Amino acid sequence: MYRWIFDNLITHSNPETAHKIVMEALRVTGNNPLTRAALKAAFNHTDTSIAPNSSFLPKRLHGRLGLAAGMDKNAEAIAAFIALGFGFVEIGTITPKPQPGNPSPRLWRIPETQEIRNQMGFNNHGVQAAKQKLTRLRATQNGKEIVVGANIGKNKLTPNEEALNDYRICARELAPLADFIVINVSSPNTPGLRDLQSVEALKPILQVTKETACEAANREIPVFVKIAPDLVDEDILHIGQIVNETNLAGVVAANTTIKHSYGSGGISGPRLLGRGLNIVQNLRQELNYDKTIIATGGISTIDDAISYLDAGADLLEALTAFIYQGPSWPAQINRAIQNYR
């Protein structure tokens, strides 16, 4: 039924308008205990939770597949996504100041390959708005049990030489309310952002963000760095070395790719799978044994998810396949991989 609706109705709508309508519906549904329970009963009726991993999280994850950043930019529908079957939710990307992002059009579907192209540009309501929503979420028992990651970035108008302070601000405000922090230096839609992946620029950002987050949270909060799939292997290995040296929790691999012929922006979807598997394999060999790899990019099927786990990923994230496959998809994947390896 969802595929028919998507192919015959949704594909003819404006992608960003459709996203806003879905997010509002999920926000309302997730905030009401009765409708949230109905959502869970309809799509996520099997317990797919896994035991806590002491090297990463003290909490019990609802599943190994989580929602990647980019869908719930402003922490509006976290509870609904968990009810649908995602194991955890990564919100954002969140910047210190609110910003509108790039001009429209900035979001496109590529239905023939089930992919998405975007040049959103970190549109979000800012760190204070996200902090307020997370505070309300954590005030409920259900909200306290959800594993939430906060993906943070710099404002578009912040020059790269001052970017470190933007990451510091976001880490300070969100770490007390988040379960992990993800440093985003890999979006292709903020000018110059990917330059921060260079060894010289990246190491101080990772160090300061981790120190700030742990101090603000008053605990050892896991901090990750999210990298681009378009980095050469040598740079990926260097980033792995920096993660070891700065004692980060691990890496989120990887963001959207700019290696395409559609114009500007980054593409997510199946074309990322091969490169993503290669990156995870390389990172697994370079990172210390206790580091966590969260793999994202190109996961559409159960076999895709298992391939990432075989390559060395500990957890998974997805977004694009959820849009194309529908609300039953995350729970289906989590049921299939719950006890794998």
C-alpha atoms as a PDB file:
ATOM      1  CA  MET A   1       0.000   0.000   0.000  1.00  0.00           C
ATOM      2  CA  TYR A   2       2.773   2.461   0.889  1.00  0.00           C
ATOM      3  CA  ARG A   3       4.597   1.775  -2.385  1.00  0.00           C
ATOM      4  CA  TRP A   4       1.418   2.512  -4.358  1.00  0.00           C
ATOM      5  CA  ILE A   5       0.858   5.742  -2.420  1.00  0.00           C
ATOM      6  CA  PHE A   6       4.489   6.761  -2.882  1.00  0.00           C
ATOM      7  CA  ASP A   7       4.658   5.961  -6.587  1.00  0.00           C
ATOM      8  CA  ASN A   8       1.288   7.466  -7.491  1.00  0.00           C
ATOM      9  CA  LEU A   9       0.921  10.366  -5.074  1.00  0.00           C
ATOM     10  CA  ILE A  10       3.988  11.289  -3.087  1.00  0.00           C
ATOM     11  CA  THR A  11       6.357  11.365  -6.066  1.00  0.00           C
ATOM     12  CA  HIS A  12       4.177  14.068  -7.626  1.00  0.00           C
ATOM     13  CA  SER A  13       4.446  16.346  -4.589  1.00  0.00           C
ATOM     14  CA  ASN A  14       7.122  18.872  -3.671  1.00  0.00           C
ATOM     15  CA  PRO A  15       9.720  16.904  -1.655  1.00  0.00           C
ATOM     16  CA  GLU A  16      10.231  19.551   1.008  1.00  0.00           C
ATOM     17  CA  THR A  17       6.503  20.173   1.428  1.00  0.00           C
ATOM     18  CA  ALA A  18       5.931  16.435   1.818  1.00  0.00           C
ATOM     19  CA  HIS A  19       8.717  16.281   4.396  1.00  0.00           C
ATOM     20  CA  LYS A  20       7.134  19.072   6.451  1.00  0.00           C
ATOM     21  CA  ILE A  21       3.709  17.395   6.387  1.00  0.00           C
ATOM     22  CA  VAL A  22       5.141  14.037   7.471  1.00  0.00           C
ATOM     23  CA  MET A  23       7.217  15.606  10.239  1.00  0.00           C
ATOM     24  CA  GLU A  24       4.212  17.474  11.622  1.00  0.00           C
ATOM     25  CA  ALA A  25       2.107  14.309  11.584  1.00  0.00           C
ATOM     26  CA  LEU A  26       4.844  12.369  13.362  1.00  0.00           C
ATOM     27  CA  ARG A  27       5.346  15.154  15.891  1.00  0.00           C
ATOM     28  CA  VAL A  28       1.678  15.112  16.848  1.00  0.00           C
ATOM     29  CA  THR A  29       1.470  11.314  16.869  1.00  0.00           C
ATOM     30  CA  GLY A  30       4.630  10.859  18.899  1.00  0.00           C
ATOM     31  CA  ASN A  31       3.682  13.383  21.562  1.00  0.00           C
ATOM     32  CA  ASN A  32       0.432  11.613  22.451  1.00  0.00           C
ATOM     33  CA  PRO A  33       0.847   8.360  24.422  1.00  0.00           C
ATOM     34  CA  LEU A  34      -2.222   6.749  22.838  1.00  0.00           C
ATOM     35  CA  THR A  35      -1.358   7.485  19.217  1.00  0.00           C
ATOM     36  CA  ARG A  36       2.293   6.642  19.901  1.00  0.00           C
ATOM     37  CA  ALA A  37       1.214   3.240  21.262  1.00  0.00           C
ATOM     38  CA  ALA A  38      -0.946   2.692  18.191  1.00  0.00           C
ATOM     39  CA  LEU A  39       2.014   3.483  15.966  1.00  0.00           C
ATOM     40  CA  LYS A  40       4.140   0.979  17.839  1.00  0.00           C
ATOM     41  CA  ALA A  41       1.427  -1.696  17.718  1.00  0.00           C
ATOM     42  CA  ALA A  42       1.015  -1.257  13.970  1.00  0.00           C
ATOM     43  CA  PHE A  43       4.665  -1.200  12.898  1.00  0.00           C
ATOM     44  CA  ASN A  44       6.957  -2.170  15.769  1.00  0.00           C
ATOM     45  CA  HIS A  45       5.267  -4.946  17.732  1.00  0.00           C
ATOM     46  CA  THR A  46       8.430  -7.024  18.302  1.00  0.00           C
ATOM     47  CA  ASP A  47      11.095  -6.209  20.886  1.00  0.00           C
ATOM     48  CA  THR A  48      14.330  -5.650  18.949  1.00  0.00           C
ATOM     49  CA  SER A  49      16.277  -4.007  21.759  1.00  0.00           C
ATOM     50  CA  ILE A  50      19.879  -4.969  22.431  1.00  0.00           C
ATOM     51  CA  ALA A  51      21.927  -4.903  25.604  1.00  0.00           C
ATOM     52  CA  PRO A  52      24.005  -1.826  26.463  1.00  0.00           C
ATOM     53  CA  ASN A  53      27.544  -1.650  25.136  1.00  0.00           C
ATOM     54  CA  SER A  54      29.763  -0.386  27.949  1.00  0.00           C
ATOM     55  CA  SER A  55      32.296   1.047  25.498  1.00  0.00           C
ATOM     56  CA  PHE A  56      29.628   3.196  23.885  1.00  0.00           C
ATOM     57  CA  LEU A  57      26.336   3.545  25.728  1.00  0.00           C
ATOM     58  CA  PRO A  58      25.047   2.570  29.161  1.00  0.00           C
ATOM     59  CA  LYS A  59      21.469   2.594  27.835  1.00  0.00           C
ATOM     60  CA  ARG A  60      19.645  -0.230  26.107  1.00  0.00           C
ATOM     61  CA  LEU A  61      19.238   0.476  22.395  1.00  0.00           C
ATOM     62  CA  HIS A  62      15.830  -0.207  20.841  1.00  0.00           C
ATOM     63  CA  GLY A  63      17.670  -1.707  17.860  1.00  0.00           C
ATOM     64  CA  ARG A  64      20.940  -1.568  15.916  1.00  0.00           C
ATOM     65  CA  LEU A  65      19.496   0.520  13.087  1.00  0.00           C
ATOM     66  CA  GLY A  66      18.894   4.167  13.935  1.00  0.00           C
ATOM     67  CA  LEU A  67      17.598   7.193  12.071  1.00  0.00           C
ATOM     68  CA  ALA A  68      20.371   9.197  10.424  1.00  0.00           C
ATOM     69  CA  ALA A  69      20.672  12.950  10.844  1.00  0.00           C
ATOM     70  CA  GLY A  70      18.830  15.063   8.305  1.00  0.00           C
ATOM     71  CA  MET A  71      15.273  13.838   8.850  1.00  0.00           C
ATOM     72  CA  ASP A  72      14.514  15.261  12.292  1.00  0.00           C
ATOM     73  CA  LYS A  73      16.611  18.384  12.146  1.00  0.00           C
ATOM     74  CA  ASN A  74      14.938  20.093  15.099  1.00  0.00           C
ATOM     75  CA  ALA A  75      14.221  17.217  17.525  1.00  0.00           C
ATOM     76  CA  GLU A  76      10.503  17.348  16.809  1.00  0.00           C
ATOM     77  CA  ALA A  77       9.413  13.721  16.341  1.00  0.00           C
ATOM     78  CA  ILE A  78      11.956  11.584  18.194  1.00  0.00           C
ATOM     79  CA  ALA A  79       9.372   9.508  20.070  1.00  0.00           C
ATOM     80  CA  ALA A  80       7.457   8.733  16.870  1.00  0.00           C
ATOM     81  CA  PHE A  81      10.553   7.455  15.078  1.00  0.00           C
ATOM     82  CA  ILE A  82      11.291   5.108  17.979  1.00  0.00           C
ATOM     83  CA  ALA A  83       7.674   3.901  17.903  1.00  0.00           C
ATOM     84  CA  LEU A  84       8.075   3.124  14.201  1.00  0.00           C
ATOM     85  CA  GLY A  85      11.014   0.833  14.953  1.00  0.00           C
ATOM     86  CA  PHE A  86      14.230   2.831  14.768  1.00  0.00           C
ATOM     87  CA  GLY A  87      16.662   1.848  17.511  1.00  0.00           C
ATOM     88  CA  PHE A  88      17.872   5.383  18.163  1.00  0.00           C
ATOM     89  CA  VAL A  89      17.592   8.826  16.591  1.00  0.00           C
ATOM     90  CA  GLU A  90      20.296  11.243  15.496  1.00  0.00           C
ATOM     91  CA  ILE A  91      18.867  14.761  15.335  1.00  0.00           C
ATOM     92  CA  GLY A  92      20.267  17.728  13.428  1.00  0.00           C
ATOM     93  CA  THR A  93      22.461  19.007  12.019  1.00  0.00           C
ATOM     94  CA  ILE A  94      22.152  21.723  14.662  1.00  0.00           C
ATOM     95  CA  THR A  95      24.072  25.007  14.553  1.00  0.00           C
ATOM     96  CA  PRO A  96      24.528  27.639  17.282  1.00  0.00           C
ATOM     97  CA  LYS A  97      22.281  30.180  15.569  1.00  0.00           C
ATOM     98  CA  PRO A  98      19.093  29.474  13.638  1.00  0.00           C
ATOM     99  CA  GLN A  99      19.555  29.592   9.891  1.00  0.00           C
ATOM    100  CA  PRO A 100      17.214  29.139   6.917  1.00  0.00           C
ATOM    101  CA  GLY A 101      19.589  27.077   4.811  1.00  0.00           C
ATOM    102  CA  ASN A 102      20.056  27.409   1.077  1.00  0.00           C
ATOM    103  CA  PRO A 103      17.395  28.809  -1.279  1.00  0.00           C
ATOM    104  CA  SER A 104      14.766  26.481  -2.733  1.00  0.00           C
ATOM    105  CA  PRO A 105      14.608  24.255  -4.659  1.00  0.00           C
ATOM    106  CA  ARG A 106      17.049  22.305  -2.531  1.00  0.00           C
ATOM    107  CA  LEU A 107      15.614  18.784  -2.244  1.00  0.00           C
ATOM    108  CA  TRP A 108      15.007  16.322  -5.091  1.00  0.00           C
ATOM    109  CA  ARG A 109      13.900  12.713  -5.407  1.00  0.00           C
ATOM    110  CA  ILE A 110      15.582  10.368  -7.898  1.00  0.00           C
ATOM    111  CA  PRO A 111      12.897   7.661  -8.003  1.00  0.00           C
ATOM    112  CA  GLU A 112      14.512   5.541 -10.710  1.00  0.00           C
ATOM    113  CA  THR A 113      17.378   4.742  -8.319  1.00  0.00           C
ATOM    114  CA  GLN A 114      15.514   5.373  -5.045  1.00  0.00           C
ATOM    115  CA  GLU A 115      17.903   8.151  -4.083  1.00  0.00           C
ATOM    116  CA  ILE A 116      17.666  11.691  -2.716  1.00  0.00           C
ATOM    117  CA  ARG A 117      19.673  14.764  -3.707  1.00  0.00           C
ATOM    118  CA  ASN A 118      19.792  17.656  -1.277  1.00  0.00           C
ATOM    119  CA  GLN A 119      21.533  20.971  -0.819  1.00  0.00           C
ATOM    120  CA  MET A 120      19.622  21.993   2.298  1.00  0.00           C
ATOM    121  CA  GLY A 121      22.501  23.829   3.974  1.00  0.00           C
ATOM    122  CA  PHE A 122      21.964  23.051   7.671  1.00  0.00           C
ATOM    123  CA  ASN A 123      18.508  24.652   7.877  1.00  0.00           C
ATOM    124  CA  ASN A 124      17.527  24.417  11.544  1.00  0.00           C
ATOM    125  CA  HIS A 125      16.052  26.404  14.425  1.00  0.00           C
ATOM    126  CA  GLY A 126      19.334  26.696  16.324  1.00  0.00           C
ATOM    127  CA  VAL A 127      20.796  25.119  19.412  1.00  0.00           C
ATOM    128  CA  GLN A 128      18.514  26.771  21.956  1.00  0.00           C
ATOM    129  CA  ALA A 129      15.370  25.501  20.229  1.00  0.00           C
ATOM    130  CA  ALA A 130      16.804  21.973  20.092  1.00  0.00           C
ATOM    131  CA  LYS A 131      17.774  22.205  23.751  1.00  0.00           C
ATOM    132  CA  GLN A 132      14.208  23.130  24.722  1.00  0.00           C
ATOM    133  CA  LYS A 133      12.720  20.207  22.803  1.00  0.00           C
ATOM    134  CA  LEU A 134      15.202  17.731  24.268  1.00  0.00           C
ATOM    135  CA  THR A 135      14.471  19.074  27.752  1.00  0.00           C
ATOM    136  CA  ARG A 136      10.753  18.389  27.235  1.00  0.00           C
ATOM    137  CA  LEU A 137      11.511  14.922  25.881  1.00  0.00           C
ATOM    138  CA  ARG A 138      13.706  14.008  28.849  1.00  0.00           C
ATOM    139  CA  ALA A 139      10.993  15.165  31.279  1.00  0.00           C
ATOM    140  CA  THR A 140       8.964  12.040  30.410  1.00  0.00           C
ATOM    141  CA  GLN A 141       9.785   8.446  31.323  1.00  0.00           C
ATOM    142  CA  ASN A 142       9.470   7.376  27.700  1.00  0.00           C
ATOM    143  CA  GLY A 143      11.771  10.186  26.632  1.00  0.00           C
ATOM    144  CA  LYS A 144      14.415   9.303  29.203  1.00  0.00           C
ATOM    145  CA  GLU A 145      14.733   5.795  27.772  1.00  0.00           C
ATOM    146  CA  ILE A 146      15.312   6.872  24.155  1.00  0.00           C
ATOM    147  CA  VAL A 147      18.867   6.992  22.822  1.00  0.00           C
ATOM    148  CA  VAL A 148      19.355  10.368  21.088  1.00  0.00           C
ATOM    149  CA  GLY A 149      22.428  11.602  19.279  1.00  0.00           C
ATOM    150  CA  ALA A 150      22.968  15.275  18.461  1.00  0.00           C
ATOM    151  CA  ASN A 151      24.647  16.063  15.148  1.00  0.00           C
ATOM    152  CA  ILE A 152      26.298  19.488  15.354  1.00  0.00           C
ATOM    153  CA  GLY A 153      27.831  21.837  12.807  1.00  0.00           C
ATOM    154  CA  LYS A 154      28.932  25.380  12.191  1.00  0.00           C
ATOM    155  CA  ASN A 155      26.815  28.254  10.925  1.00  0.00           C
ATOM    156  CA  LYS A 156      27.234  29.126   7.264  1.00  0.00           C
ATOM    157  CA  LEU A 157      28.499  32.628   8.028  1.00  0.00           C
ATOM    158  CA  THR A 158      31.064  31.436  10.569  1.00  0.00           C
ATOM    159  CA  PRO A 159      34.511  31.445   8.925  1.00  0.00           C
ATOM    160  CA  ASN A 160      36.433  28.191   9.151  1.00  0.00           C
ATOM    161  CA  GLU A 161      39.053  29.723  11.421  1.00  0.00           C
ATOM    162  CA  GLU A 162      36.269  30.349  13.986  1.00  0.00           C
ATOM    163  CA  ALA A 163      34.411  27.068  13.445  1.00  0.00           C
ATOM    164  CA  LEU A 164      35.790  25.498  16.601  1.00  0.00           C
ATOM    165  CA  ASN A 165      33.746  27.882  18.732  1.00  0.00           C
ATOM    166  CA  ASP A 166      30.507  26.883  16.978  1.00  0.00           C
ATOM    167  CA  TYR A 167      31.142  23.227  17.798  1.00  0.00           C
ATOM    168  CA  ARG A 168      32.017  24.182  21.366  1.00  0.00           C
ATOM    169  CA  ILE A 169      28.738  26.081  21.813  1.00  0.00           C
ATOM    170  CA  CYS A 170      26.590  23.230  20.494  1.00  0.00           C
ATOM    171  CA  ALA A 171      28.425  20.617  22.545  1.00  0.00           C
ATOM    172  CA  ARG A 172      28.060  22.650  25.727  1.00  0.00           C
ATOM    173  CA  GLU A 173      24.312  23.148  25.266  1.00  0.00           C
ATOM    174  CA  LEU A 174      23.319  19.687  24.039  1.00  0.00           C
ATOM    175  CA  ALA A 175      25.659  17.221  25.751  1.00  0.00           C
ATOM    176  CA  PRO A 176      23.726  17.215  29.058  1.00  0.00           C
ATOM    177  CA  LEU A 177      20.600  16.081  27.179  1.00  0.00           C
ATOM    178  CA  ALA A 178      22.052  13.826  24.459  1.00  0.00           C
ATOM    179  CA  ASP A 179      23.427  10.296  24.641  1.00  0.00           C
ATOM    180  CA  PHE A 180      26.112  10.989  22.055  1.00  0.00           C
ATOM    181  CA  ILE A 181      27.422  13.873  19.957  1.00  0.00           C
ATOM    182  CA  VAL A 182      28.327  13.740  16.256  1.00  0.00           C
ATOM    183  CA  ILE A 183      30.685  16.360  14.837  1.00  0.00           C
ATOM    184  CA  ASN A 184      29.599  17.053  11.265  1.00  0.00           C
ATOM    185  CA  VAL A 185      32.472  18.294   9.106  1.00  0.00           C
ATOM    186  CA  SER A 186      31.336  16.488   5.977  1.00  0.00           C
ATOM    187  CA  SER A 187      28.177  18.077   4.585  1.00  0.00           C
ATOM    188  CA  PRO A 188      28.759  19.290   1.011  1.00  0.00           C
ATOM    189  CA  ASN A 189      26.147  22.033   1.353  1.00  0.00           C
ATOM    190  CA  THR A 190      27.947  24.473   3.675  1.00  0.00           C
ATOM    191  CA  PRO A 191      30.760  26.225   1.767  1.00  0.00           C
ATOM    192  CA  GLY A 192      34.195  25.195   3.010  1.00  0.00           C
ATOM    193  CA  LEU A 193      32.896  22.765   5.632  1.00  0.00           C
ATOM    194  CA  ARG A 194      34.627  19.707   4.171  1.00  0.00           C
ATOM    195  CA  ASP A 195      37.932  21.559   4.420  1.00  0.00           C
ATOM    196  CA  LEU A 196      37.662  20.970   8.172  1.00  0.00           C
ATOM    197  CA  GLN A 197      38.356  17.266   7.536  1.00  0.00           C
ATOM    198  CA  SER A 198      42.024  18.043   6.981  1.00  0.00           C
ATOM    199  CA  VAL A 199      44.263  16.744   9.738  1.00  0.00           C
ATOM    200  CA  GLU A 200      45.391  20.224  10.801  1.00  0.00           C
ATOM    201  CA  ALA A 201      41.865  21.614  11.099  1.00  0.00           C
ATOM    202  CA  LEU A 202      40.120  18.516  12.444  1.00  0.00           C
ATOM    203  CA  LYS A 203      42.197  17.532  15.459  1.00  0.00           C
ATOM    204  CA  PRO A 204      41.586  20.690  17.564  1.00  0.00           C
ATOM    205  CA  ILE A 205      37.858  20.577  16.751  1.00  0.00           C
ATOM    206  CA  LEU A 206      37.626  16.986  17.963  1.00  0.00           C
ATOM    207  CA  GLN A 207      39.657  17.672  21.097  1.00  0.00           C
ATOM    208  CA  VAL A 208      37.793  20.792  22.170  1.00  0.00           C
ATOM    209  CA  THR A 209      34.355  19.396  21.345  1.00  0.00           C
ATOM    210  CA  LYS A 210      34.996  16.240  23.349  1.00  0.00           C
ATOM    211  CA  GLU A 211      36.378  18.160  26.331  1.00  0.00           C
ATOM    212  CA  THR A 212      33.470  20.596  26.276  1.00  0.00           C
ATOM    213  CA  ALA A 213      30.847  17.871  25.916  1.00  0.00           C
ATOM    214  CA  CYS A 214      32.199  15.771  28.780  1.00  0.00           C
ATOM    215  CA  GLU A 215      32.522  18.797  31.048  1.00  0.00           C
ATOM    216  CA  ALA A 216      29.008  20.005  30.268  1.00  0.00           C
ATOM    217  CA  ALA A 217      27.448  16.554  30.670  1.00  0.00           C
ATOM    218  CA  ASN A 218      29.535  15.780  33.762  1.00  0.00           C
ATOM    219  CA  ARG A 219      30.187  12.322  32.345  1.00  0.00           C
ATOM    220  CA  GLU A 220      32.151  10.578  29.596  1.00  0.00           C
ATOM    221  CA  ILE A 221      29.732  11.212  26.731  1.00  0.00           C
ATOM    222  CA  PRO A 222      30.542   9.469  23.425  1.00  0.00           C
ATOM    223  CA  VAL A 223      31.651  11.885  20.689  1.00  0.00           C
ATOM    224  CA  PHE A 224      31.855  10.839  17.032  1.00  0.00           C
ATOM    225  CA  VAL A 225      33.043  12.491  13.842  1.00  0.00           C
ATOM    226  CA  LYS A 226      31.002  12.121  10.636  1.00  0.00           C
ATOM    227  CA  ILE A 227      33.086  11.889   7.480  1.00  0.00           C
ATOM    228  CA  ALA A 228      32.452  12.198   3.737  1.00  0.00           C
ATOM    229  CA  PRO A 229      32.504   9.192   1.393  1.00  0.00           C
ATOM    230  CA  ASP A 230      34.487  11.219  -1.120  1.00  0.00           C
ATOM    231  CA  LEU A 231      37.675  11.289   0.964  1.00  0.00           C
ATOM    232  CA  VAL A 232      40.552   9.234  -0.401  1.00  0.00           C
ATOM    233  CA  ASP A 233      41.556   6.172   1.597  1.00  0.00           C
ATOM    234  CA  GLU A 234      44.699   7.822   2.937  1.00  0.00           C
ATOM    235  CA  ASP A 235      42.701  10.673   4.480  1.00  0.00           C
ATOM    236  CA  ILE A 236      40.226   8.239   6.016  1.00  0.00           C
ATOM    237  CA  LEU A 237      43.071   6.363   7.694  1.00  0.00           C
ATOM    238  CA  HIS A 238      44.494   9.647   8.994  1.00  0.00           C
ATOM    239  CA  ILE A 239      41.120  10.517  10.493  1.00  0.00           C
ATOM    240  CA  GLY A 240      41.041   7.083  12.107  1.00  0.00           C
ATOM    241  CA  GLN A 241      44.411   7.831  13.694  1.00  0.00           C
ATOM    242  CA  ILE A 242      43.129  11.169  15.021  1.00  0.00           C
ATOM    243  CA  VAL A 243      40.070   9.455  16.493  1.00  0.00           C
ATOM    244  CA  ASN A 244      42.403   7.090  18.349  1.00  0.00           C
ATOM    245  CA  GLU A 245      44.641   9.930  19.524  1.00  0.00           C
ATOM    246  CA  THR A 246      41.793  12.142  20.747  1.00  0.00           C
ATOM    247  CA  ASN A 247      39.959   9.187  22.321  1.00  0.00           C
ATOM    248  CA  LEU A 248      36.720   9.812  20.484  1.00  0.00           C
ATOM    249  CA  ALA A 249      34.054   7.103  20.653  1.00  0.00           C
ATOM    250  CA  GLY A 250      34.302   6.447  16.936  1.00  0.00           C
ATOM    251  CA  VAL A 251      33.200   7.451  13.446  1.00  0.00           C
ATOM    252  CA  VAL A 252      29.922   7.873  11.592  1.00  0.00           C
ATOM    253  CA  ALA A 253      30.605   6.786   8.005  1.00  0.00           C
ATOM    254  CA  ALA A 254      29.537   8.342   5.765  1.00  0.00           C
ATOM    255  CA  ASN A 255      27.723  11.472   4.566  1.00  0.00           C
ATOM    256  CA  THR A 256      26.273  12.167   1.100  1.00  0.00           C
ATOM    257  CA  THR A 257      28.403  12.085  -2.029  1.00  0.00           C
ATOM    258  CA  ILE A 258      29.072  14.883  -4.498  1.00  0.00           C
ATOM    259  CA  LYS A 259      30.336  12.449  -7.132  1.00  0.00           C
ATOM    260  CA  HIS A 260      27.337  12.629  -9.466  1.00  0.00           C
ATOM    261  CA  SER A 261      26.136  14.422 -12.588  1.00  0.00           C
ATOM    262  CA  TYR A 262      22.900  15.952 -11.289  1.00  0.00           C
ATOM    263  CA  GLY A 263      24.277  19.360 -10.320  1.00  0.00           C
ATOM    264  CA  SER A 264      24.960  20.719  -6.854  1.00  0.00           C
ATOM    265  CA  GLY A 265      24.252  19.038  -3.535  1.00  0.00           C
ATOM    266  CA  GLY A 266      24.887  15.605  -2.114  1.00  0.00           C
ATOM    267  CA  ILE A 267      23.196  12.329  -3.015  1.00  0.00           C
ATOM    268  CA  SER A 268      22.149   9.628  -0.558  1.00  0.00           C
ATOM    269  CA  GLY A 269      20.932   6.169  -1.407  1.00  0.00           C
ATOM    270  CA  PRO A 270      22.091   2.882  -2.956  1.00  0.00           C
ATOM    271  CA  ARG A 271      25.097   4.290  -4.824  1.00  0.00           C
ATOM    272  CA  LEU A 272      26.819   4.855  -1.466  1.00  0.00           C
ATOM    273  CA  LEU A 273      26.770   1.202  -0.429  1.00  0.00           C
ATOM    274  CA  GLY A 274      29.976   0.017  -2.134  1.00  0.00           C
ATOM    275  CA  ARG A 275      32.068   2.961  -1.012  1.00  0.00           C
ATOM    276  CA  GLY A 276      30.531   2.853   2.454  1.00  0.00           C
ATOM    277  CA  LEU A 277      31.511  -0.790   2.917  1.00  0.00           C
ATOM    278  CA  ASN A 278      35.051  -0.010   1.814  1.00  0.00           C
ATOM    279  CA  ILE A 279      35.315   2.875   4.289  1.00  0.00           C
ATOM    280  CA  VAL A 280      34.022   0.767   7.171  1.00  0.00           C
ATOM    281  CA  GLN A 281      36.496  -2.016   6.386  1.00  0.00           C
ATOM    282  CA  ASN A 282      39.387   0.461   6.328  1.00  0.00           C
ATOM    283  CA  LEU A 283      38.291   2.122   9.549  1.00  0.00           C
ATOM    284  CA  ARG A 284      37.867  -1.198  11.333  1.00  0.00           C
ATOM    285  CA  GLN A 285      41.503  -2.006  10.610  1.00  0.00           C
ATOM    286  CA  GLU A 286      42.745   1.435  11.681  1.00  0.00           C
ATOM    287  CA  LEU A 287      40.629   2.174  14.754  1.00  0.00           C
ATOM    288  CA  ASN A 288      41.371   0.777  18.194  1.00  0.00           C
ATOM    289  CA  TYR A 289      39.275  -2.255  19.110  1.00  0.00           C
ATOM    290  CA  ASP A 290      37.049  -0.286  21.492  1.00  0.00           C
ATOM    291  CA  LYS A 291      35.964   2.306  18.902  1.00  0.00           C
ATOM    292  CA  THR A 292      32.408   2.243  17.542  1.00  0.00           C
ATOM    293  CA  ILE A 293      31.588   2.556  13.846  1.00  0.00           C
ATOM    294  CA  ILE A 294      28.112   3.759  12.945  1.00  0.00           C
ATOM    295  CA  ALA A 295      27.626   2.931   9.272  1.00  0.00           C
ATOM    296  CA  THR A 296      25.225   4.899   7.112  1.00  0.00           C
ATOM    297  CA  GLY A 297      24.866   5.139   3.371  1.00  0.00           C
ATOM    298  CA  GLY A 298      23.063   2.937   0.884  1.00  0.00           C
ATOM    299  CA  ILE A 299      21.262   0.596   3.294  1.00  0.00           C
ATOM    300  CA  SER A 300      18.086  -0.508   1.511  1.00  0.00           C
ATOM    301  CA  THR A 301      17.763  -4.222   2.276  1.00  0.00           C
ATOM    302  CA  ILE A 302      18.487  -6.696   5.046  1.00  0.00           C
ATOM    303  CA  ASP A 303      21.468  -7.933   3.038  1.00  0.00           C
ATOM    304  CA  ASP A 304      22.847  -4.374   2.886  1.00  0.00           C
ATOM    305  CA  ALA A 305      22.601  -4.070   6.660  1.00  0.00           C
ATOM    306  CA  ILE A 306      24.293  -7.437   7.197  1.00  0.00           C
ATOM    307  CA  SER A 307      27.060  -6.504   4.747  1.00  0.00           C
ATOM    308  CA  TYR A 308      27.888  -3.449   6.855  1.00  0.00           C
ATOM    309  CA  LEU A 309      27.946  -5.534  10.037  1.00  0.00           C
ATOM    310  CA  ASP A 310      30.221  -8.059   8.355  1.00  0.00           C
ATOM    311  CA  ALA A 311      32.514  -5.215   7.268  1.00  0.00           C
ATOM    312  CA  GLY A 312      32.974  -4.161  10.881  1.00  0.00           C
ATOM    313  CA  ALA A 313      30.160  -1.732  11.691  1.00  0.00           C
ATOM    314  CA  ASP A 314      28.716  -1.846  15.203  1.00  0.00           C
ATOM    315  CA  LEU A 315      25.553   0.162  14.559  1.00  0.00           C
ATOM    316  CA  LEU A 316      23.713   1.358  11.466  1.00  0.00           C
ATOM    317  CA  GLU A 317      21.779   4.433  10.389  1.00  0.00           C
ATOM    318  CA  ALA A 318      19.466   5.086   7.465  1.00  0.00           C
ATOM    319  CA  LEU A 319      17.166   7.755   6.090  1.00  0.00           C
ATOM    320  CA  THR A 320      16.657   7.528   2.321  1.00  0.00           C
ATOM    321  CA  ALA A 321      15.376   3.933   2.299  1.00  0.00           C
ATOM    322  CA  PHE A 322      12.855   4.872   4.997  1.00  0.00           C
ATOM    323  CA  ILE A 323      11.428   7.499   2.650  1.00  0.00           C
ATOM    324  CA  TYR A 324      11.110   5.049  -0.238  1.00  0.00           C
ATOM    325  CA  GLN A 325      10.184   1.885   1.688  1.00  0.00           C
ATOM    326  CA  GLY A 326       7.794   3.346   4.236  1.00  0.00           C
ATOM    327  CA  PRO A 327       6.961   3.143   7.951  1.00  0.00           C
ATOM    328  CA  SER A 328       7.299  -0.638   8.345  1.00  0.00           C
ATOM    329  CA  TRP A 329      10.869  -0.679   7.026  1.00  0.00           C
ATOM    330  CA  PRO A 330      12.976   0.211  10.138  1.00  0.00           C
ATOM    331  CA  ALA A 331      11.363  -2.409  12.364  1.00  0.00           C
ATOM    332  CA  GLN A 332      11.742  -5.005   9.595  1.00  0.00           C
ATOM    333  CA  ILE A 333      15.490  -4.365   9.388  1.00  0.00           C
ATOM    334  CA  ASN A 334      15.946  -4.333  13.165  1.00  0.00           C
ATOM    335  CA  ARG A 335      14.097  -7.624  13.540  1.00  0.00           C
ATOM    336  CA  ALA A 336      16.355  -9.223  10.950  1.00  0.00           C
ATOM    337  CA  ILE A 337      19.664  -8.059  12.448  1.00  0.00           C
ATOM    338  CA  GLN A 338      18.846  -8.148  16.157  1.00  0.00           C
ATOM    339  CA  ASN A 339      20.850 -11.282  16.908  1.00  0.00           C
ATOM    340  CA  TYR A 340      23.308 -11.120  14.013  1.00  0.00           C
ATOM    341  CA  ARG A 341      26.886 -11.670  15.168  1.00  0.00           C
END
